[in-house]
Amino acid sequence: MDSDPIDWPLCQGECRLVESGSHKELVAANGLYARLAALQFGQAAALDTSAA
């Protein structure tokens, strides 16, 4: 994989890997990562995938 680890987030829950992918893919999947990103960055920023 050529991606920088910062550009390829891993999402863990209950001591196990729940999701992995690019920011854009994980937000589109609307799973745990998308919910956490919305909490941390705000809904609009989490959904903005133009820089991803």
N, C-alpha and C. Protein backbone atom coordinates (compact mmCIF):
# COMPACT_ATOMS: atom_id res chain seq x y z
N MET A 1 0.86 -1.18 0.00
CA MET A 1 0.00 0.00 0.00
C MET A 1 0.90 1.23 0.00
N ASP A 2 0.67 2.16 -0.91
CA ASP A 2 1.49 3.36 -1.04
C ASP A 2 0.96 4.53 -0.22
N SER A 3 -0.21 4.41 0.39
CA SER A 3 -0.80 5.51 1.13
C SER A 3 -0.03 5.80 2.41
N ASP A 4 0.11 7.07 2.73
CA ASP A 4 0.64 7.49 4.01
C ASP A 4 -0.36 7.08 5.09
N PRO A 5 0.09 6.52 6.22
CA PRO A 5 -0.85 6.08 7.26
C PRO A 5 -1.83 7.16 7.70
N ILE A 6 -1.42 8.42 7.65
CA ILE A 6 -2.31 9.50 8.04
C ILE A 6 -3.46 9.63 7.04
N ASP A 7 -3.24 9.25 5.80
CA ASP A 7 -4.26 9.33 4.77
C ASP A 7 -5.10 8.05 4.71
N TRP A 8 -4.82 7.09 5.57
CA TRP A 8 -5.54 5.82 5.56
C TRP A 8 -5.96 5.50 6.99
N PRO A 9 -7.03 6.15 7.47
CA PRO A 9 -7.43 5.96 8.87
C PRO A 9 -7.92 4.55 9.16
N LEU A 10 -7.66 4.11 10.36
CA LEU A 10 -8.18 2.85 10.87
C LEU A 10 -9.11 3.20 12.02
N CYS A 11 -10.23 2.57 12.07
CA CYS A 11 -11.21 2.86 13.09
C CYS A 11 -11.40 1.62 13.96
N GLN A 12 -11.14 1.78 15.26
CA GLN A 12 -11.26 0.66 16.19
C GLN A 12 -12.45 0.86 17.11
N GLY A 13 -13.07 -0.22 17.47
CA GLY A 13 -14.16 -0.22 18.43
C GLY A 13 -14.15 -1.53 19.18
N GLU A 14 -14.31 -1.47 20.48
CA GLU A 14 -14.33 -2.66 21.32
C GLU A 14 -13.10 -3.54 21.08
N CYS A 15 -11.92 -2.91 21.01
CA CYS A 15 -10.63 -3.61 20.87
C CYS A 15 -10.50 -4.40 19.57
N ARG A 16 -11.18 -3.99 18.53
CA ARG A 16 -11.02 -4.67 17.24
C ARG A 16 -11.11 -3.64 16.13
N LEU A 17 -10.50 -3.97 15.00
CA LEU A 17 -10.55 -3.09 13.83
C LEU A 17 -11.96 -3.14 13.26
N VAL A 18 -12.58 -1.99 13.15
CA VAL A 18 -13.96 -1.92 12.67
C VAL A 18 -14.00 -1.53 11.19
N GLU A 19 -13.20 -0.54 10.81
CA GLU A 19 -13.22 -0.04 9.43
C GLU A 19 -11.82 0.41 9.04
N SER A 20 -11.51 0.36 7.77
CA SER A 20 -10.31 1.00 7.24
C SER A 20 -10.60 1.44 5.82
N GLY A 21 -9.93 2.47 5.40
CA GLY A 21 -10.12 3.01 4.07
C GLY A 21 -9.72 4.46 4.05
N SER A 22 -9.93 5.12 2.94
CA SER A 22 -9.64 6.55 2.87
C SER A 22 -10.75 7.31 3.60
N HIS A 23 -10.48 8.56 3.91
CA HIS A 23 -11.49 9.39 4.56
C HIS A 23 -12.78 9.39 3.74
N LYS A 24 -12.63 9.59 2.45
CA LYS A 24 -13.80 9.65 1.55
C LYS A 24 -14.60 8.35 1.60
N GLU A 25 -13.92 7.20 1.54
CA GLU A 25 -14.60 5.90 1.58
C GLU A 25 -15.31 5.68 2.91
N LEU A 26 -14.63 6.03 4.00
CA LEU A 26 -15.20 5.80 5.32
C LEU A 26 -16.40 6.70 5.61
N VAL A 27 -16.33 7.94 5.17
CA VAL A 27 -17.48 8.84 5.34
C VAL A 27 -18.66 8.33 4.51
N ALA A 28 -18.39 7.88 3.29
CA ALA A 28 -19.46 7.37 2.43
C ALA A 28 -20.11 6.12 3.01
N ALA A 29 -19.33 5.32 3.76
CA ALA A 29 -19.88 4.10 4.37
C ALA A 29 -20.82 4.42 5.53
N ASN A 30 -20.75 5.64 6.04
CA ASN A 30 -21.65 6.12 7.10
C ASN A 30 -21.63 5.22 8.34
N GLY A 31 -20.44 4.75 8.70
CA GLY A 31 -20.30 3.88 9.87
C GLY A 31 -19.72 4.63 11.06
N LEU A 32 -18.98 3.91 11.88
CA LEU A 32 -18.39 4.48 13.09
C LEU A 32 -17.46 5.64 12.78
N TYR A 33 -16.59 5.47 11.78
CA TYR A 33 -15.66 6.54 11.43
C TYR A 33 -16.41 7.81 11.05
N ALA A 34 -17.45 7.69 10.25
CA ALA A 34 -18.23 8.87 9.83
C ALA A 34 -18.84 9.58 11.04
N ARG A 35 -19.35 8.81 11.99
CA ARG A 35 -19.93 9.42 13.20
C ARG A 35 -18.86 10.11 14.04
N LEU A 36 -17.69 9.49 14.18
CA LEU A 36 -16.61 10.10 14.95
C LEU A 36 -16.07 11.35 14.26
N ALA A 37 -15.93 11.31 12.95
CA ALA A 37 -15.45 12.48 12.20
C ALA A 37 -16.43 13.64 12.34
N ALA A 38 -17.72 13.35 12.29
CA ALA A 38 -18.72 14.40 12.45
C ALA A 38 -18.65 15.02 13.84
N LEU A 39 -18.42 14.20 14.85
CA LEU A 39 -18.28 14.73 16.21
C LEU A 39 -17.03 15.59 16.36
N GLN A 40 -15.93 15.12 15.79
CA GLN A 40 -14.66 15.83 15.95
C GLN A 40 -14.56 17.08 15.09
N PHE A 41 -14.97 16.99 13.84
CA PHE A 41 -14.76 18.09 12.90
C PHE A 41 -16.02 18.87 12.58
N GLY A 42 -17.16 18.41 13.03
CA GLY A 42 -18.43 19.02 12.66
C GLY A 42 -18.97 18.33 11.41
N GLN A 43 -20.26 18.29 11.29
CA GLN A 43 -20.90 17.55 10.19
C GLN A 43 -20.41 18.02 8.82
N ALA A 44 -20.38 19.31 8.58
CA ALA A 44 -19.99 19.82 7.26
C ALA A 44 -18.54 19.48 6.93
N ALA A 45 -17.64 19.63 7.89
CA ALA A 45 -16.23 19.34 7.65
C ALA A 45 -16.00 17.85 7.41
N ALA A 46 -16.72 17.00 8.15
CA ALA A 46 -16.56 15.56 7.99
C ALA A 46 -17.02 15.11 6.62
N LEU A 47 -18.04 15.76 6.10
CA LEU A 47 -18.58 15.38 4.80
C LEU A 47 -17.82 15.99 3.64
N ASP A 48 -16.97 16.99 3.91
CA ASP A 48 -16.20 17.64 2.84
C ASP A 48 -15.05 16.73 2.44
N THR A 49 -15.20 16.06 1.33
CA THR A 49 -14.18 15.13 0.85
C THR A 49 -13.38 15.72 -0.30
N SER A 50 -13.49 17.03 -0.52
CA SER A 50 -12.80 17.64 -1.64
C SER A 50 -11.27 17.57 -1.48
N ALA A 51 -10.79 17.57 -0.25
CA ALA A 51 -9.34 17.50 -0.03
C ALA A 51 -8.86 16.06 0.08
N ALA A 52 -9.77 15.11 0.14
CA ALA A 52 -9.36 13.71 0.31
C ALA A 52 -9.10 13.05 -1.02
